[in-house]
C-alpha atoms as a PDB file:
ATOM      1  CA  MET A   1     185.497  23.813 157.589  1.00  0.00           C
ATOM      2  CA  LYS A   2     181.767  25.064 158.056  1.00  0.00           C
ATOM      3  CA  ASN A   3     180.854  27.434 160.838  1.00  0.00           C
ATOM      4  CA  VAL A   4     179.060  25.527 163.385  1.00  0.00           C
ATOM      5  CA  LYS A   5     176.968  27.365 165.954  1.00  0.00           C
ATOM      6  CA  ILE A   6     176.701  25.615 169.381  1.00  0.00           C
ATOM      7  CA  PRO A   7     173.532  26.508 171.108  1.00  0.00           C
ATOM      8  CA  PRO A   8     174.080  28.129 174.397  1.00  0.00           C
ATOM      9  CA  SER A   9     173.603  25.601 177.295  1.00  0.00           C
ATOM     10  CA  ASP A  10     171.263  26.266 180.280  1.00  0.00           C
ATOM     11  CA  SER A  11     172.937  27.694 183.332  1.00  0.00           C
ATOM     12  CA  TYR A  12     173.643  25.368 185.964  1.00  0.00           C
ATOM     13  CA  TYR A  13     171.091  27.157 188.244  1.00  0.00           C
ATOM     14  CA  ASP A  14     168.329  26.570 185.899  1.00  0.00           C
ATOM     15  CA  TYR A  15     169.339  22.936 185.609  1.00  0.00           C
ATOM     16  CA  LEU A  16     169.383  22.567 189.454  1.00  0.00           C
ATOM     17  CA  ILE A  17     166.039  24.129 189.876  1.00  0.00           C
ATOM     18  CA  SER A  18     164.707  22.104 187.016  1.00  0.00           C
ATOM     19  CA  SER A  19     165.993  18.807 188.806  1.00  0.00           C
ATOM     20  CA  LEU A  20     164.721  19.832 192.132  1.00  0.00           C
ATOM     21  CA  LYS A  21     161.177  19.861 190.827  1.00  0.00           C
ATOM     22  CA  ASP A  22     161.487  15.947 191.379  1.00  0.00           C
ATOM     23  CA  PRO A  23     160.663  15.220 194.877  1.00  0.00           C
ATOM     24  CA  GLU A  24     163.312  12.477 195.384  1.00  0.00           C
ATOM     25  CA  GLU A  25     165.889  14.781 194.058  1.00  0.00           C
ATOM     26  CA  SER A  26     164.914  17.618 196.367  1.00  0.00           C
ATOM     27  CA  ALA A  27     164.879  15.141 199.251  1.00  0.00           C
ATOM     28  CA  MET A  28     168.305  13.966 198.501  1.00  0.00           C
ATOM     29  CA  TYR A  29     169.503  17.272 198.049  1.00  0.00           C
ATOM     30  CA  ILE A  30     168.150  18.462 201.394  1.00  0.00           C
ATOM     31  CA  GLU A  31     169.508  15.428 203.077  1.00  0.00           C
ATOM     32  CA  VAL A  32     173.094  15.887 201.781  1.00  0.00           C
ATOM     33  CA  THR A  33     173.113  19.489 202.682  1.00  0.00           C
ATOM     34  CA  LEU A  34     171.991  18.646 206.264  1.00  0.00           C
ATOM     35  CA  GLU A  35     174.870  16.176 206.627  1.00  0.00           C
ATOM     36  CA  GLU A  36     177.420  19.069 205.774  1.00  0.00           C
ATOM     37  CA  GLY A  37     176.597  20.839 208.961  1.00  0.00           C
ATOM     38  CA  ASP A  38     176.770  24.296 207.429  1.00  0.00           C
ATOM     39  CA  PRO A  39     173.634  26.555 208.245  1.00  0.00           C
ATOM     40  CA  LYS A  40     174.435  29.006 205.286  1.00  0.00           C
ATOM     41  CA  LEU A  41     174.541  26.130 202.854  1.00  0.00           C
ATOM     42  CA  LEU A  42     171.245  24.605 204.159  1.00  0.00           C
ATOM     43  CA  ASN A  43     169.651  28.068 203.843  1.00  0.00           C
ATOM     44  CA  LEU A  44     170.928  28.041 200.182  1.00  0.00           C
ATOM     45  CA  ALA A  45     169.639  24.609 199.570  1.00  0.00           C
ATOM     46  CA  MET A  46     166.411  25.257 201.184  1.00  0.00           C
ATOM     47  CA  GLY A  47     166.079  28.529 198.989  1.00  0.00           C
ATOM     48  CA  ASN A  48     166.696  26.377 195.877  1.00  0.00           C
ATOM     49  CA  VAL A  49     164.014  23.859 196.633  1.00  0.00           C
ATOM     50  CA  VAL A  50     161.501  26.615 197.448  1.00  0.00           C
ATOM     51  CA  ALA A  51     162.426  28.283 194.155  1.00  0.00           C
ATOM     52  CA  ALA A  52     161.721  24.820 192.293  1.00  0.00           C
ATOM     53  CA  HIS A  53     158.167  24.453 193.956  1.00  0.00           C
ATOM     54  CA  GLU A  54     157.342  28.104 193.186  1.00  0.00           C
ATOM     55  CA  LYS A  55     158.138  27.458 189.506  1.00  0.00           C
ATOM     56  CA  MET A  56     155.698  24.636 189.620  1.00  0.00           C
ATOM     57  CA  ASN A  57     153.062  26.759 191.221  1.00  0.00           C
ATOM     58  CA  ASN A  58     153.303  24.384 194.332  1.00  0.00           C
ATOM     59  CA  LEU A  59     154.195  26.463 197.371  1.00  0.00           C
ATOM     60  CA  SER A  60     151.613  27.487 199.745  1.00  0.00           C
ATOM     61  CA  GLU A  61     151.713  30.809 201.570  1.00  0.00           C
ATOM     62  CA  GLU A  62     152.228  28.861 204.709  1.00  0.00           C
ATOM     63  CA  ALA A  63     155.151  27.239 203.231  1.00  0.00           C
ATOM     64  CA  LYS A  64     156.679  30.451 202.133  1.00  0.00           C
ATOM     65  CA  LEU A  65     156.272  31.953 205.664  1.00  0.00           C
ATOM     66  CA  HIS A  66     157.903  28.766 207.117  1.00  0.00           C
ATOM     67  CA  TYR A  67     161.001  29.135 204.795  1.00  0.00           C
ATOM     68  CA  GLN A  68     161.289  32.933 205.680  1.00  0.00           C
ATOM     69  CA  ASN A  69     161.375  31.925 209.353  1.00  0.00           C
ATOM     70  CA  LEU A  70     163.859  29.164 208.686  1.00  0.00           C
ATOM     71  CA  SER A  71     165.995  31.271 206.568  1.00  0.00           C
ATOM     72  CA  GLN A  72     166.166  34.005 209.338  1.00  0.00           C
ATOM     73  CA  MET A  73     166.870  31.298 212.033  1.00  0.00           C
ATOM     74  CA  LEU A  74     169.761  29.772 209.698  1.00  0.00           C
ATOM     75  CA  LEU A  75     171.361  33.089 209.250  1.00  0.00           C
ATOM     76  CA  SER A  76     171.330  34.138 212.784  1.00  0.00           C
ATOM     77  CA  ASP A  77     173.685  33.328 215.706  1.00  0.00           C
ATOM     78  CA  GLU A  78     171.120  30.792 217.079  1.00  0.00           C
ATOM     79  CA  ASN A  79     171.234  28.360 214.193  1.00  0.00           C
ATOM     80  CA  SER A  80     172.810  25.371 215.832  1.00  0.00           C
ATOM     81  CA  GLU A  81     169.805  23.445 217.034  1.00  0.00           C
ATOM     82  CA  ILE A  82     169.023  21.410 214.008  1.00  0.00           C
ATOM     83  CA  TYR A  83     172.829  20.549 213.742  1.00  0.00           C
ATOM     84  CA  THR A  84     172.924  19.612 217.451  1.00  0.00           C
ATOM     85  CA  LEU A  85     170.170  17.064 216.719  1.00  0.00           C
ATOM     86  CA  VAL A  86     172.067  15.756 213.677  1.00  0.00           C
ATOM     87  CA  ALA A  87     175.090  15.473 215.785  1.00  0.00           C
ATOM     88  CA  LEU A  88     173.359  13.545 218.599  1.00  0.00           C
ATOM     89  CA  LEU A  89     171.746  11.257 216.048  1.00  0.00           C
ATOM     90  CA  ASN A  90     174.946  10.609 214.430  1.00  0.00           C
ATOM     91  CA  GLU A  91     176.741   9.635 217.718  1.00  0.00           C
ATOM     92  CA  MET A  92     173.917   7.293 218.597  1.00  0.00           C
ATOM     93  CA  GLY A  93     174.320   5.620 215.187  1.00  0.00           C
ATOM     94  CA  PHE A  94     171.277   7.342 213.593  1.00  0.00           C
ATOM     95  CA  ARG A  95     170.791   9.724 210.790  1.00  0.00           C
ATOM     96  CA  LEU A  96     167.924  12.102 209.710  1.00  0.00           C
ATOM     97  CA  GLU A  97     166.438  11.060 206.326  1.00  0.00           C
ATOM     98  CA  VAL A  98     164.370  13.386 204.225  1.00  0.00           C
ATOM     99  CA  LYS A  99     161.823  11.666 201.975  1.00  0.00           C
ATOM    100  CA  PRO A 100     158.849  13.033 199.877  1.00  0.00           C
ATOM    101  CA  LYS A 101     155.556  12.232 201.257  1.00  0.00           C
ATOM    102  CA  GLU A 102     153.936   9.393 199.598  1.00  0.00           C
ATOM    103  CA  SER A 103     150.910  10.578 197.554  1.00  0.00           C
ATOM    104  CA  GLU A 104     147.726   9.722 199.161  1.00  0.00           C
ATOM    105  CA  SER A 105     145.868   7.349 197.012  1.00  0.00           C
ATOM    106  CA  VAL A 106     142.138   7.099 196.638  1.00  0.00           C
ATOM    107  CA  SER A 107     140.517   3.768 196.896  1.00  0.00           C
ATOM    108  CA  SER A 108     137.643   2.968 194.644  1.00  0.00           C
END
């Protein structure tokens, strides 16, 4: 039998970050994480989406600042505001939906 070398696989994290470069994938990832109701999980997910955008050089300094502020809020004891909104909407028969912005088309 021949010695067969199997190339090492990419790590799950690398795969995740690569998949989150797709706006639709990022939107679904954030939406599902919001539904879980765990601020630490949301913080982790947002960090992954931010990392994907950074890899694409597609993250403004303002977005980085907003992420830092959100991260601090989610890791503090005062992180329930977003989940209070999610719970209220759920009880009223609604849900939050995260979707990528439609790209602006230029008409000729």
